[in-house]
């Protein structure tokens, strides 16, 4: 299914599955009938790259919201709690959700903990040593839409909307 992502700044991206078909002003793209149009009041940019992902996901514990009274809501050194494989996987998923909420679509690896590696693979984010480059036709549909203040409104990974600010 074709999807047009239309930020307010004028540029938009036409996506088919996980690939970018076209970029440009909304009025110049012709997605054809039946295309889904998504609109946001922000600026379209390539997704962000997180070079510190190994540290963030393999040395920190991202507390479960149900633990907020006891542990707070910010990440803690992993040694602050008893870490099992189940807890590593859940922590990594919560950490990844926070990264997606910042517009991150690629991370530096490699990840040595199996539950963390699995969480990263399932998230769809690209594991690469450096930022993968620019948003271009024929390339992977990884991008973000940022508000005027630089905060993330939307993150798309491989053509899938994975974060949207409420």
Foldseek 3Di string as FASTA:
>chain_A
DWEWEAEPVFKIFIDDQFFTADIGGPVVDDPDPPYHYHYYHFDKFFFDEAACLQCQLVQWFQDDPVCCVPPNGDIDGPVVDDDDLVRSLVRLLVSVLVSVQLRHQEYEDDHDRVSNNVSVVVLQRHHDNDPPDGRDGPDTPWIFTAHPVSGTQWTAHSNRTDDGDD
